[in-house]
Amino acid sequence: MFSIGQQAIIGIISHLLFIYLTWRLMMSINFEPLIRKGRAKEAQILILFLTIVIGSGVSRFFLEVLQWSRDLNHLF
């Protein structure tokens, strides 16, 4: 069984990894047609917030599936 410290490290690494991957994917999307002139900084902040929300959501899903798979041994 994992200790609380090990779970914390795995959670931090997972969140950072999925946020980074989401950021890379978001940078491949062309948002230029959606951005008003003079609002580039606000659009970058919005993209950053969307990246954090999507990346942490995917990470949370991954960590929950990992926890559920560890809990399966309690079934038998």
C-alpha atoms as a PDB file:
ATOM      1  CA  MET A   1       0.000   0.000   0.000  1.00  0.00           C
ATOM      2  CA  PHE A   2       1.242   3.491  -0.841  1.00  0.00           C
ATOM      3  CA  SER A   3       1.999   5.945   1.890  1.00  0.00           C
ATOM      4  CA  ILE A   4       0.437   9.385   1.919  1.00  0.00           C
ATOM      5  CA  GLY A   5       3.739  10.932   0.803  1.00  0.00           C
ATOM      6  CA  GLN A   6       4.015   8.638  -2.204  1.00  0.00           C
ATOM      7  CA  GLN A   7       0.438   9.401  -3.225  1.00  0.00           C
ATOM      8  CA  ALA A   8       1.159  13.130  -2.920  1.00  0.00           C
ATOM      9  CA  ILE A   9       4.239  12.889  -5.164  1.00  0.00           C
ATOM     10  CA  ILE A  10       2.339  10.838  -7.749  1.00  0.00           C
ATOM     11  CA  GLY A  11      -0.524  13.355  -7.646  1.00  0.00           C
ATOM     12  CA  ILE A  12       1.767  16.364  -8.102  1.00  0.00           C
ATOM     13  CA  ILE A  13       3.693  14.751 -10.945  1.00  0.00           C
ATOM     14  CA  SER A  14       0.465  13.619 -12.616  1.00  0.00           C
ATOM     15  CA  HIS A  15      -1.130  17.062 -12.433  1.00  0.00           C
ATOM     16  CA  LEU A  16       1.988  18.809 -13.751  1.00  0.00           C
ATOM     17  CA  LEU A  17       2.439  16.263 -16.544  1.00  0.00           C
ATOM     18  CA  PHE A  18      -1.155  16.476 -17.758  1.00  0.00           C
ATOM     19  CA  ILE A  19      -1.188  20.282 -17.501  1.00  0.00           C
ATOM     20  CA  TYR A  20       2.004  20.376 -19.589  1.00  0.00           C
ATOM     21  CA  LEU A  21       0.544  17.984 -22.187  1.00  0.00           C
ATOM     22  CA  THR A  22      -2.654  20.019 -22.351  1.00  0.00           C
ATOM     23  CA  TRP A  23      -0.635  23.215 -22.767  1.00  0.00           C
ATOM     24  CA  ARG A  24       1.250  21.672 -25.704  1.00  0.00           C
ATOM     25  CA  LEU A  25      -2.044  20.626 -27.283  1.00  0.00           C
ATOM     26  CA  MET A  26      -3.633  24.038 -26.709  1.00  0.00           C
ATOM     27  CA  MET A  27      -0.679  25.745 -28.400  1.00  0.00           C
ATOM     28  CA  SER A  28      -1.325  23.714 -31.548  1.00  0.00           C
ATOM     29  CA  ILE A  29      -4.840  25.186 -31.862  1.00  0.00           C
ATOM     30  CA  ASN A  30      -5.186  28.426 -33.820  1.00  0.00           C
ATOM     31  CA  PHE A  31      -7.121  30.820 -31.578  1.00  0.00           C
ATOM     32  CA  GLU A  32      -6.251  33.914 -33.653  1.00  0.00           C
ATOM     33  CA  PRO A  33      -9.674  34.218 -35.345  1.00  0.00           C
ATOM     34  CA  LEU A  34     -11.381  34.190 -31.935  1.00  0.00           C
ATOM     35  CA  ILE A  35      -9.241  36.922 -30.350  1.00  0.00           C
ATOM     36  CA  ARG A  36     -10.246  40.568 -30.601  1.00  0.00           C
ATOM     37  CA  LYS A  37      -7.558  43.088 -31.440  1.00  0.00           C
ATOM     38  CA  GLY A  38      -5.893  44.444 -28.322  1.00  0.00           C
ATOM     39  CA  ARG A  39      -7.083  41.509 -26.182  1.00  0.00           C
ATOM     40  CA  ALA A  40      -4.171  39.127 -26.732  1.00  0.00           C
ATOM     41  CA  LYS A  41      -3.028  39.176 -23.090  1.00  0.00           C
ATOM     42  CA  GLU A  42      -6.523  38.353 -21.815  1.00  0.00           C
ATOM     43  CA  ALA A  43      -6.787  35.517 -24.356  1.00  0.00           C
ATOM     44  CA  GLN A  44      -3.461  34.070 -23.187  1.00  0.00           C
ATOM     45  CA  ILE A  45      -4.645  34.127 -19.574  1.00  0.00           C
ATOM     46  CA  LEU A  46      -7.915  32.442 -20.590  1.00  0.00           C
ATOM     47  CA  ILE A  47      -5.996  29.741 -22.466  1.00  0.00           C
ATOM     48  CA  LEU A  48      -3.782  29.251 -19.408  1.00  0.00           C
ATOM     49  CA  PHE A  49      -6.821  28.830 -17.133  1.00  0.00           C
ATOM     50  CA  LEU A  50      -8.488  26.437 -19.587  1.00  0.00           C
ATOM     51  CA  THR A  51      -5.255  24.444 -19.740  1.00  0.00           C
ATOM     52  CA  ILE A  52      -5.131  24.129 -15.951  1.00  0.00           C
ATOM     53  CA  VAL A  53      -8.796  23.098 -15.740  1.00  0.00           C
ATOM     54  CA  ILE A  54      -8.569  20.493 -18.509  1.00  0.00           C
ATOM     55  CA  GLY A  55      -5.169  19.142 -17.416  1.00  0.00           C
ATOM     56  CA  SER A  56      -6.125  18.789 -13.767  1.00  0.00           C
ATOM     57  CA  GLY A  57      -9.438  17.168 -14.716  1.00  0.00           C
ATOM     58  CA  VAL A  58      -7.704  14.564 -16.857  1.00  0.00           C
ATOM     59  CA  SER A  59      -5.135  14.013 -14.118  1.00  0.00           C
ATOM     60  CA  ARG A  60      -7.851  13.578 -11.498  1.00  0.00           C
ATOM     61  CA  PHE A  61      -9.537  10.978 -13.736  1.00  0.00           C
ATOM     62  CA  PHE A  62      -6.219   9.144 -14.201  1.00  0.00           C
ATOM     63  CA  LEU A  63      -5.505   9.159 -10.454  1.00  0.00           C
ATOM     64  CA  GLU A  64      -9.027   7.922  -9.608  1.00  0.00           C
ATOM     65  CA  VAL A  65      -8.742   5.023 -12.071  1.00  0.00           C
ATOM     66  CA  LEU A  66      -5.340   4.193 -10.559  1.00  0.00           C
ATOM     67  CA  GLN A  67      -6.833   4.219  -7.047  1.00  0.00           C
ATOM     68  CA  TRP A  68      -9.812   2.105  -8.105  1.00  0.00           C
ATOM     69  CA  SER A  69      -7.488  -0.469  -9.679  1.00  0.00           C
ATOM     70  CA  ARG A  70      -5.548  -0.640  -6.389  1.00  0.00           C
ATOM     71  CA  ASP A  71      -8.802  -1.078  -4.463  1.00  0.00           C
ATOM     72  CA  LEU A  72      -9.871  -4.058  -6.577  1.00  0.00           C
ATOM     73  CA  ASN A  73      -7.819  -6.434  -4.441  1.00  0.00           C
ATOM     74  CA  HIS A  74     -10.233  -5.692  -1.559  1.00  0.00           C
ATOM     75  CA  LEU A  75     -13.038  -7.197  -3.630  1.00  0.00           C
ATOM     76  CA  PHE A  76     -11.873 -10.770  -3.109  1.00  0.00           C
END
